[in-house]
């Protein structure tokens, strides 16, 4: 399974601060890529079915949260800023990732078919994340703010089921 890193974000082109929505989104992209890399190691080392299933669940939770943030916050912000065809391509890519993840979840753990589905998912993720970071995220840099970062972080936390301080 080839695990490719998405194109790195040029910090000169993306002056996102630690309190920015773009920083959160790019960090989530890196986190998912790291988890996919761990899965590739498990595959290469014939990791246990339980380890693979647990990692797939973790990847799925991260992708679900990231997808919800994009669908509910990021893509609507891009609606008036991005070319309609580009935004539609991004939304189709996100839907393909979700479908691929569903196919993985439907496979019996530890099967060759599941590993192949994960490989396809890795390819989809690489393409989607690179496209978003290169073509879409720059379009919202000028409106990125602590408020937007707070909205992204809150939505992400809700999707992951994380509880804030009481």
N, C-alpha and C. Protein backbone atom coordinates (compact mmCIF):
# COMPACT_ATOMS: atom_id res chain seq x y z
N UNK A 1 0.86 -1.17 0.00
CA UNK A 1 0.00 0.00 0.00
C UNK A 1 0.89 1.23 0.00
N UNK A 2 0.75 2.04 -0.98
CA UNK A 2 1.52 3.27 -1.08
C UNK A 2 0.81 4.36 -0.30
N UNK A 3 1.52 4.97 0.63
CA UNK A 3 0.95 6.07 1.39
C UNK A 3 1.67 7.33 0.96
N UNK A 4 0.95 8.22 0.32
CA UNK A 4 1.55 9.46 -0.16
C UNK A 4 1.08 10.60 0.70
N UNK A 5 2.01 11.45 1.03
CA UNK A 5 1.68 12.66 1.78
C UNK A 5 1.04 13.66 0.84
N UNK A 6 0.03 14.38 1.28
CA UNK A 6 -0.49 15.45 0.44
C UNK A 6 0.58 16.51 0.28
N UNK A 7 0.48 17.25 -0.80
CA UNK A 7 1.44 18.33 -1.01
C UNK A 7 1.47 19.18 0.25
N UNK A 8 2.69 19.52 0.67
CA UNK A 8 2.79 20.32 1.89
C UNK A 8 2.28 21.71 1.62
N UNK A 9 1.76 22.31 2.66
CA UNK A 9 1.22 23.64 2.55
C UNK A 9 2.36 24.63 2.67
N UNK A 10 2.52 25.49 1.70
CA UNK A 10 3.53 26.53 1.70
C UNK A 10 3.13 27.57 2.72
N UNK A 11 3.95 27.71 3.78
CA UNK A 11 3.56 28.62 4.84
C UNK A 11 3.56 30.07 4.38
N UNK A 12 4.30 30.39 3.34
CA UNK A 12 4.26 31.75 2.81
C UNK A 12 2.92 32.00 2.11
N UNK A 13 2.41 30.97 1.45
CA UNK A 13 1.12 31.10 0.76
C UNK A 13 -0.04 30.91 1.73
N UNK A 14 0.20 30.26 2.85
CA UNK A 14 -0.83 29.99 3.84
C UNK A 14 -0.36 30.49 5.20
N UNK A 15 -0.47 31.76 5.47
CA UNK A 15 0.03 32.29 6.74
C UNK A 15 -0.91 32.00 7.90
N UNK A 16 -1.37 30.76 8.00
CA UNK A 16 -2.31 30.39 9.05
C UNK A 16 -1.61 30.38 10.40
N UNK A 17 -2.24 30.95 11.36
CA UNK A 17 -1.69 30.96 12.71
C UNK A 17 -2.23 29.76 13.46
N UNK A 18 -1.69 29.55 14.65
CA UNK A 18 -2.12 28.40 15.45
C UNK A 18 -3.61 28.46 15.75
N UNK A 19 -4.20 29.65 15.76
CA UNK A 19 -5.61 29.80 16.06
C UNK A 19 -6.46 29.92 14.83
N UNK A 20 -6.03 29.34 13.73
CA UNK A 20 -6.79 29.50 12.49
C UNK A 20 -7.48 28.21 12.08
N UNK A 21 -8.56 28.37 11.34
CA UNK A 21 -9.30 27.22 10.83
C UNK A 21 -8.43 26.41 9.86
N UNK A 22 -7.65 27.10 9.04
CA UNK A 22 -6.80 26.40 8.08
C UNK A 22 -5.76 25.54 8.78
N UNK A 23 -5.24 26.02 9.90
CA UNK A 23 -4.28 25.23 10.67
C UNK A 23 -4.94 23.96 11.18
N UNK A 24 -6.15 24.08 11.68
CA UNK A 24 -6.89 22.91 12.19
C UNK A 24 -7.14 21.92 11.06
N UNK A 25 -7.62 22.42 9.93
CA UNK A 25 -7.92 21.53 8.79
C UNK A 25 -6.67 20.82 8.28
N UNK A 26 -5.58 21.57 8.13
CA UNK A 26 -4.34 20.95 7.64
C UNK A 26 -3.78 19.96 8.66
N UNK A 27 -3.91 20.27 9.94
CA UNK A 27 -3.46 19.34 10.98
C UNK A 27 -4.29 18.05 10.93
N UNK A 28 -5.59 18.18 10.68
CA UNK A 28 -6.43 16.99 10.55
C UNK A 28 -6.03 16.18 9.32
N UNK A 29 -5.69 16.85 8.24
CA UNK A 29 -5.20 16.15 7.05
C UNK A 29 -3.96 15.33 7.41
N UNK A 30 -3.02 15.94 8.12
CA UNK A 30 -1.78 15.25 8.49
C UNK A 30 -2.07 14.08 9.44
N UNK A 31 -2.99 14.29 10.36
CA UNK A 31 -3.35 13.23 11.32
C UNK A 31 -3.91 12.02 10.57
N UNK A 32 -4.79 12.26 9.62
CA UNK A 32 -5.36 11.15 8.84
C UNK A 32 -4.27 10.45 8.04
N UNK A 33 -3.36 11.23 7.44
CA UNK A 33 -2.27 10.62 6.68
C UNK A 33 -1.38 9.76 7.59
N UNK A 34 -1.13 10.23 8.81
CA UNK A 34 -0.33 9.44 9.75
C UNK A 34 -1.04 8.13 10.09
N UNK A 35 -2.33 8.20 10.32
CA UNK A 35 -3.09 6.99 10.63
C UNK A 35 -3.09 6.03 9.44
N UNK A 36 -3.20 6.57 8.23
CA UNK A 36 -3.13 5.71 7.04
C UNK A 36 -1.74 5.08 6.93
N UNK A 37 -0.71 5.82 7.31
CA UNK A 37 0.64 5.26 7.32
C UNK A 37 0.77 4.13 8.33
N UNK A 38 0.14 4.28 9.49
CA UNK A 38 0.13 3.20 10.47
C UNK A 38 -0.58 1.97 9.93
N UNK A 39 -1.67 2.20 9.21
CA UNK A 39 -2.38 1.07 8.62
C UNK A 39 -1.48 0.35 7.61
N UNK A 40 -0.75 1.12 6.81
CA UNK A 40 0.16 0.52 5.83
C UNK A 40 1.22 -0.33 6.53
N UNK A 41 1.70 0.14 7.69
CA UNK A 41 2.67 -0.66 8.45
C UNK A 41 2.04 -1.95 8.96
N UNK A 42 0.81 -1.85 9.45
CA UNK A 42 0.12 -3.06 9.91
C UNK A 42 -0.07 -4.05 8.76
N UNK A 43 -0.41 -3.53 7.60
CA UNK A 43 -0.61 -4.37 6.43
C UNK A 43 0.71 -5.05 6.06
N UNK A 44 1.78 -4.28 6.02
CA UNK A 44 3.08 -4.83 5.64
C UNK A 44 3.58 -5.86 6.66
N UNK A 45 3.26 -5.64 7.93
CA UNK A 45 3.71 -6.55 8.99
C UNK A 45 2.69 -7.62 9.35
N UNK A 46 1.65 -7.74 8.53
CA UNK A 46 0.57 -8.70 8.79
C UNK A 46 0.00 -8.50 10.19
N UNK A 47 -0.34 -7.25 10.49
CA UNK A 47 -0.91 -6.91 11.80
C UNK A 47 -2.20 -7.65 12.06
N UNK A 48 -2.56 -7.73 13.31
CA UNK A 48 -3.74 -8.50 13.70
C UNK A 48 -5.02 -7.86 13.16
N UNK A 49 -6.04 -8.69 13.08
CA UNK A 49 -7.35 -8.23 12.63
C UNK A 49 -7.89 -7.16 13.59
N UNK A 50 -7.70 -7.36 14.88
CA UNK A 50 -8.19 -6.41 15.89
C UNK A 50 -7.48 -5.07 15.75
N UNK A 51 -6.17 -5.10 15.54
CA UNK A 51 -5.42 -3.85 15.37
C UNK A 51 -5.88 -3.09 14.13
N UNK A 52 -6.08 -3.84 13.06
CA UNK A 52 -6.54 -3.20 11.82
C UNK A 52 -7.92 -2.60 12.00
N UNK A 53 -8.82 -3.37 12.60
CA UNK A 53 -10.20 -2.88 12.81
C UNK A 53 -10.20 -1.64 13.69
N UNK A 54 -9.40 -1.65 14.74
CA UNK A 54 -9.33 -0.49 15.62
C UNK A 54 -8.80 0.74 14.90
N UNK A 55 -7.80 0.55 14.08
CA UNK A 55 -7.23 1.67 13.33
C UNK A 55 -8.21 2.18 12.27
N UNK A 56 -8.91 1.28 11.64
CA UNK A 56 -9.92 1.69 10.66
C UNK A 56 -11.02 2.51 11.36
N UNK A 57 -11.43 2.09 12.54
CA UNK A 57 -12.45 2.85 13.28
C UNK A 57 -11.93 4.24 13.62
N UNK A 58 -10.68 4.33 14.01
CA UNK A 58 -10.08 5.63 14.33
C UNK A 58 -10.00 6.52 13.09
N UNK A 59 -9.56 5.95 11.99
CA UNK A 59 -9.49 6.69 10.72
C UNK A 59 -10.89 7.15 10.33
N UNK A 60 -11.85 6.25 10.45
CA UNK A 60 -13.23 6.59 10.11
C UNK A 60 -13.77 7.74 10.94
N UNK A 61 -13.49 7.73 12.23
CA UNK A 61 -13.96 8.81 13.10
C UNK A 61 -13.34 10.14 12.68
N UNK A 62 -12.05 10.14 12.40
CA UNK A 62 -11.38 11.37 11.97
C UNK A 62 -11.94 11.87 10.64
N UNK A 63 -12.12 10.95 9.70
CA UNK A 63 -12.65 11.34 8.39
C UNK A 63 -14.09 11.82 8.48
N UNK A 64 -14.86 11.20 9.33
CA UNK A 64 -16.26 11.62 9.52
C UNK A 64 -16.29 13.05 10.06
N UNK A 65 -15.49 13.32 11.09
CA UNK A 65 -15.47 14.67 11.68
C UNK A 65 -14.98 15.69 10.66
N UNK A 66 -13.92 15.36 9.95
CA UNK A 66 -13.38 16.26 8.95
C UNK A 66 -14.40 16.52 7.84
N UNK A 67 -15.09 15.48 7.42
CA UNK A 67 -16.11 15.63 6.38
C UNK A 67 -17.25 16.52 6.83
N UNK A 68 -17.68 16.37 8.08
CA UNK A 68 -18.77 17.22 8.57
C UNK A 68 -18.35 18.68 8.64
N UNK A 69 -17.12 18.93 9.08
CA UNK A 69 -16.62 20.31 9.14
C UNK A 69 -16.60 20.91 7.73
N UNK A 70 -16.13 20.15 6.77
CA UNK A 70 -16.06 20.65 5.40
C UNK A 70 -17.46 20.90 4.83
N UNK A 71 -18.36 19.94 5.01
CA UNK A 71 -19.70 20.07 4.44
C UNK A 71 -20.50 21.20 5.08
N UNK A 72 -20.34 21.37 6.40
CA UNK A 72 -21.17 22.34 7.12
C UNK A 72 -20.55 23.73 7.22
N UNK A 73 -19.23 23.84 7.16
CA UNK A 73 -18.60 25.14 7.35
C UNK A 73 -17.75 25.56 6.15
N UNK A 74 -16.82 24.72 5.75
CA UNK A 74 -15.85 25.13 4.73
C UNK A 74 -16.48 25.26 3.35
N UNK A 75 -17.18 24.24 2.88
CA UNK A 75 -17.73 24.32 1.53
C UNK A 75 -18.76 25.45 1.39
N UNK A 76 -19.62 25.69 2.38
CA UNK A 76 -20.51 26.85 2.25
C UNK A 76 -19.75 28.18 2.15
N UNK A 77 -18.64 28.31 2.87
CA UNK A 77 -17.83 29.53 2.75
C UNK A 77 -17.24 29.67 1.36
N UNK A 78 -16.94 28.55 0.75
CA UNK A 78 -16.32 28.56 -0.58
C UNK A 78 -17.33 28.78 -1.70
N UNK A 79 -18.60 28.64 -1.40
CA UNK A 79 -19.64 28.72 -2.43
C UNK A 79 -19.57 30.01 -3.23
N UNK A 80 -19.28 31.12 -2.59
CA UNK A 80 -19.22 32.40 -3.30
C UNK A 80 -17.80 32.76 -3.73
N UNK A 81 -16.83 31.93 -3.39
CA UNK A 81 -15.43 32.26 -3.67
C UNK A 81 -14.78 31.33 -4.69
N UNK A 82 -15.22 30.09 -4.75
CA UNK A 82 -14.60 29.09 -5.61
C UNK A 82 -15.40 28.93 -6.90
N UNK A 83 -14.72 28.51 -7.91
CA UNK A 83 -15.37 28.13 -9.16
C UNK A 83 -16.34 26.99 -8.83
N UNK A 84 -17.55 27.08 -9.34
CA UNK A 84 -18.59 26.08 -9.02
C UNK A 84 -18.14 24.67 -9.37
N UNK A 85 -17.44 24.52 -10.48
CA UNK A 85 -16.98 23.20 -10.90
C UNK A 85 -15.93 22.64 -9.93
N UNK A 86 -15.03 23.50 -9.45
CA UNK A 86 -14.02 23.09 -8.50
C UNK A 86 -14.66 22.68 -7.17
N UNK A 87 -15.62 23.46 -6.71
CA UNK A 87 -16.29 23.13 -5.47
C UNK A 87 -17.08 21.83 -5.61
N UNK A 88 -17.72 21.64 -6.73
CA UNK A 88 -18.45 20.39 -6.97
C UNK A 88 -17.48 19.21 -6.99
N UNK A 89 -16.32 19.40 -7.58
CA UNK A 89 -15.29 18.35 -7.60
C UNK A 89 -14.87 18.00 -6.18
N UNK A 90 -14.71 19.01 -5.33
CA UNK A 90 -14.33 18.77 -3.94
C UNK A 90 -15.43 18.00 -3.22
N UNK A 91 -16.67 18.37 -3.44
CA UNK A 91 -17.78 17.69 -2.78
C UNK A 91 -17.93 16.25 -3.28
N UNK A 92 -17.72 16.03 -4.56
CA UNK A 92 -17.75 14.66 -5.09
C UNK A 92 -16.61 13.84 -4.50
N UNK A 93 -15.45 14.45 -4.37
CA UNK A 93 -14.31 13.76 -3.77
C UNK A 93 -14.59 13.36 -2.33
N UNK A 94 -15.21 14.27 -1.59
CA UNK A 94 -15.56 13.98 -0.21
C UNK A 94 -16.56 12.83 -0.15
N UNK A 95 -17.53 12.83 -1.05
CA UNK A 95 -18.52 11.74 -1.10
C UNK A 95 -17.84 10.41 -1.45
N UNK A 96 -16.87 10.45 -2.35
CA UNK A 96 -16.14 9.23 -2.72
C UNK A 96 -15.36 8.67 -1.54
N UNK A 97 -14.79 9.55 -0.76
CA UNK A 97 -14.06 9.12 0.45
C UNK A 97 -15.02 8.44 1.41
N UNK A 98 -16.18 9.02 1.62
CA UNK A 98 -17.17 8.44 2.53
C UNK A 98 -17.66 7.08 2.02
N UNK A 99 -17.87 6.96 0.70
CA UNK A 99 -18.29 5.69 0.12
C UNK A 99 -17.19 4.64 0.27
N UNK A 100 -15.95 5.04 0.04
CA UNK A 100 -14.84 4.12 0.17
C UNK A 100 -14.72 3.62 1.61
N UNK A 101 -14.88 4.53 2.55
CA UNK A 101 -14.82 4.16 3.96
C UNK A 101 -15.95 3.19 4.31
N UNK A 102 -17.12 3.39 3.75
CA UNK A 102 -18.25 2.48 3.98
C UNK A 102 -17.95 1.09 3.44
N UNK A 103 -17.31 1.03 2.27
CA UNK A 103 -16.93 -0.27 1.70
C UNK A 103 -15.91 -0.98 2.59
N UNK A 104 -14.97 -0.23 3.13
CA UNK A 104 -13.98 -0.82 4.04
C UNK A 104 -14.69 -1.39 5.26
N UNK A 105 -15.60 -0.63 5.82
CA UNK A 105 -16.31 -1.06 7.02
C UNK A 105 -17.15 -2.31 6.76
N UNK A 106 -17.59 -2.51 5.53
CA UNK A 106 -18.42 -3.66 5.18
C UNK A 106 -17.59 -4.93 5.00
N UNK A 107 -16.27 -4.80 4.86
CA UNK A 107 -15.41 -5.96 4.65
C UNK A 107 -15.16 -6.68 5.97
N UNK A 108 -14.91 -7.99 5.86
CA UNK A 108 -14.49 -8.75 7.03
C UNK A 108 -13.08 -8.32 7.39
N UNK A 109 -12.82 -8.14 8.66
CA UNK A 109 -11.51 -7.68 9.11
C UNK A 109 -10.39 -8.59 8.66
N UNK A 110 -9.27 -7.98 8.27
CA UNK A 110 -8.08 -8.74 7.92
C UNK A 110 -8.09 -9.37 6.55
N UNK A 111 -9.05 -9.03 5.71
CA UNK A 111 -9.10 -9.63 4.39
C UNK A 111 -8.28 -8.83 3.38
N UNK A 112 -7.90 -9.48 2.32
CA UNK A 112 -7.17 -8.81 1.24
C UNK A 112 -8.05 -7.73 0.63
N UNK A 113 -9.35 -7.98 0.52
CA UNK A 113 -10.26 -6.99 -0.05
C UNK A 113 -10.27 -5.72 0.81
N UNK A 114 -10.24 -5.89 2.14
CA UNK A 114 -10.22 -4.73 3.02
C UNK A 114 -8.93 -3.94 2.83
N UNK A 115 -7.82 -4.63 2.71
CA UNK A 115 -6.54 -3.95 2.49
C UNK A 115 -6.54 -3.20 1.17
N UNK A 116 -7.13 -3.78 0.16
CA UNK A 116 -7.21 -3.10 -1.15
C UNK A 116 -8.11 -1.87 -1.06
N UNK A 117 -9.21 -1.99 -0.32
CA UNK A 117 -10.09 -0.83 -0.12
C UNK A 117 -9.35 0.29 0.62
N UNK A 118 -8.54 -0.08 1.59
CA UNK A 118 -7.75 0.92 2.32
C UNK A 118 -6.73 1.58 1.40
N UNK A 119 -6.16 0.82 0.50
CA UNK A 119 -5.22 1.37 -0.46
C UNK A 119 -5.92 2.38 -1.38
N UNK A 120 -7.11 2.02 -1.84
CA UNK A 120 -7.89 2.95 -2.66
C UNK A 120 -8.26 4.20 -1.87
N UNK A 121 -8.61 4.02 -0.60
CA UNK A 121 -8.94 5.16 0.25
C UNK A 121 -7.73 6.07 0.41
N UNK A 122 -6.56 5.50 0.59
CA UNK A 122 -5.33 6.30 0.71
C UNK A 122 -5.12 7.15 -0.53
N UNK A 123 -5.35 6.56 -1.70
CA UNK A 123 -5.19 7.31 -2.95
C UNK A 123 -6.21 8.45 -3.04
N UNK A 124 -7.46 8.16 -2.71
CA UNK A 124 -8.50 9.19 -2.73
C UNK A 124 -8.17 10.33 -1.77
N UNK A 125 -7.72 9.96 -0.58
CA UNK A 125 -7.38 10.97 0.42
C UNK A 125 -6.24 11.87 -0.05
N UNK A 126 -5.23 11.26 -0.62
CA UNK A 126 -4.09 12.05 -1.10
C UNK A 126 -4.55 13.06 -2.15
N UNK A 127 -5.33 12.60 -3.10
CA UNK A 127 -5.81 13.49 -4.16
C UNK A 127 -6.69 14.61 -3.61
N UNK A 128 -7.62 14.25 -2.73
CA UNK A 128 -8.56 15.23 -2.17
C UNK A 128 -7.84 16.27 -1.32
N UNK A 129 -7.00 15.81 -0.43
CA UNK A 129 -6.32 16.73 0.48
C UNK A 129 -5.37 17.66 -0.27
N UNK A 130 -4.66 17.13 -1.23
CA UNK A 130 -3.75 17.97 -2.01
C UNK A 130 -4.53 19.03 -2.78
N UNK A 131 -5.64 18.64 -3.38
CA UNK A 131 -6.46 19.59 -4.14
C UNK A 131 -7.01 20.68 -3.22
N UNK A 132 -7.53 20.28 -2.07
CA UNK A 132 -8.10 21.27 -1.15
C UNK A 132 -7.03 22.25 -0.68
N UNK A 133 -5.89 21.74 -0.28
CA UNK A 133 -4.84 22.61 0.25
C UNK A 133 -4.25 23.52 -0.81
N UNK A 134 -4.18 23.03 -2.02
CA UNK A 134 -3.59 23.82 -3.10
C UNK A 134 -4.58 24.80 -3.74
N UNK A 135 -5.84 24.37 -3.91
CA UNK A 135 -6.77 25.17 -4.69
C UNK A 135 -7.91 25.81 -3.89
N UNK A 136 -8.34 25.18 -2.83
CA UNK A 136 -9.50 25.71 -2.11
C UNK A 136 -9.15 26.50 -0.86
N UNK A 137 -8.29 25.96 -0.02
CA UNK A 137 -7.99 26.65 1.23
C UNK A 137 -7.47 28.06 1.03
N UNK A 138 -6.65 28.33 0.01
CA UNK A 138 -6.21 29.72 -0.19
C UNK A 138 -7.37 30.70 -0.41
N UNK A 139 -8.50 30.20 -0.86
CA UNK A 139 -9.64 31.07 -1.15
C UNK A 139 -10.34 31.59 0.11
N UNK A 140 -10.05 30.97 1.25
CA UNK A 140 -10.67 31.45 2.49
C UNK A 140 -9.64 32.01 3.47
N UNK A 141 -8.42 32.14 3.04
CA UNK A 141 -7.38 32.70 3.92
C UNK A 141 -7.75 34.08 4.45
N UNK A 142 -8.28 34.91 3.58
CA UNK A 142 -8.56 36.28 4.00
C UNK A 142 -9.73 36.40 4.98
N UNK A 143 -10.51 35.34 5.14
CA UNK A 143 -11.60 35.38 6.12
C UNK A 143 -11.34 34.45 7.29
N UNK A 144 -10.18 33.79 7.28
CA UNK A 144 -9.82 32.91 8.38
C UNK A 144 -9.62 33.77 9.63
N UNK A 145 -10.18 33.34 10.72
CA UNK A 145 -10.11 34.12 11.94
C UNK A 145 -10.22 33.19 13.14
N UNK A 146 -10.03 33.74 14.30
CA UNK A 146 -10.20 32.95 15.52
C UNK A 146 -11.65 32.48 15.65
N UNK A 147 -12.59 33.31 15.22
CA UNK A 147 -14.00 32.93 15.25
C UNK A 147 -14.25 31.72 14.35
N UNK A 148 -13.72 31.76 13.15
CA UNK A 148 -13.88 30.63 12.24
C UNK A 148 -13.18 29.40 12.81
N UNK A 149 -12.00 29.59 13.36
CA UNK A 149 -11.28 28.48 13.97
C UNK A 149 -12.09 27.87 15.12
N UNK A 150 -12.73 28.71 15.91
CA UNK A 150 -13.56 28.22 17.01
C UNK A 150 -14.74 27.41 16.49
N UNK A 151 -15.37 27.90 15.42
CA UNK A 151 -16.50 27.17 14.82
C UNK A 151 -16.03 25.80 14.31
N UNK A 152 -14.89 25.79 13.62
CA UNK A 152 -14.34 24.53 13.08
C UNK A 152 -14.00 23.58 14.22
N UNK A 153 -13.31 24.09 15.24
CA UNK A 153 -12.90 23.25 16.37
C UNK A 153 -14.12 22.69 17.11
N UNK A 154 -15.14 23.52 17.32
CA UNK A 154 -16.34 23.06 18.01
C UNK A 154 -17.06 21.99 17.20
N UNK A 155 -17.25 22.21 15.90
CA UNK A 155 -17.95 21.23 15.06
C UNK A 155 -17.18 19.92 15.02
N UNK A 156 -15.86 20.03 14.93
CA UNK A 156 -14.99 18.85 14.92
C UNK A 156 -15.14 18.08 16.23
N UNK A 157 -15.13 18.79 17.35
CA UNK A 157 -15.27 18.16 18.66
C UNK A 157 -16.61 17.45 18.80
N UNK A 158 -17.66 18.10 18.34
CA UNK A 158 -18.99 17.49 18.40
C UNK A 158 -19.02 16.21 17.56
N UNK A 159 -18.47 16.29 16.36
CA UNK A 159 -18.47 15.12 15.48
C UNK A 159 -17.65 13.96 16.05
N UNK A 160 -16.58 14.30 16.77
CA UNK A 160 -15.75 13.26 17.38
C UNK A 160 -16.30 12.80 18.73
N UNK A 161 -17.30 13.53 19.24
CA UNK A 161 -17.88 13.17 20.52
C UNK A 161 -17.02 13.61 21.70
N UNK A 162 -16.19 14.61 21.47
CA UNK A 162 -15.33 15.12 22.54
C UNK A 162 -16.11 16.07 23.42
N UNK A 163 -15.93 15.94 24.70
CA UNK A 163 -16.62 16.79 25.65
C UNK A 163 -15.68 17.89 26.10
N UNK A 164 -16.17 19.09 26.13
CA UNK A 164 -15.38 20.21 26.61
C UNK A 164 -15.40 20.26 28.12
N UNK A 165 -14.76 21.28 28.68
CA UNK A 165 -14.77 21.40 30.15
C UNK A 165 -16.18 21.68 30.65
N UNK A 166 -16.47 21.18 31.83
CA UNK A 166 -17.79 21.40 32.42
C UNK A 166 -17.91 22.78 33.00
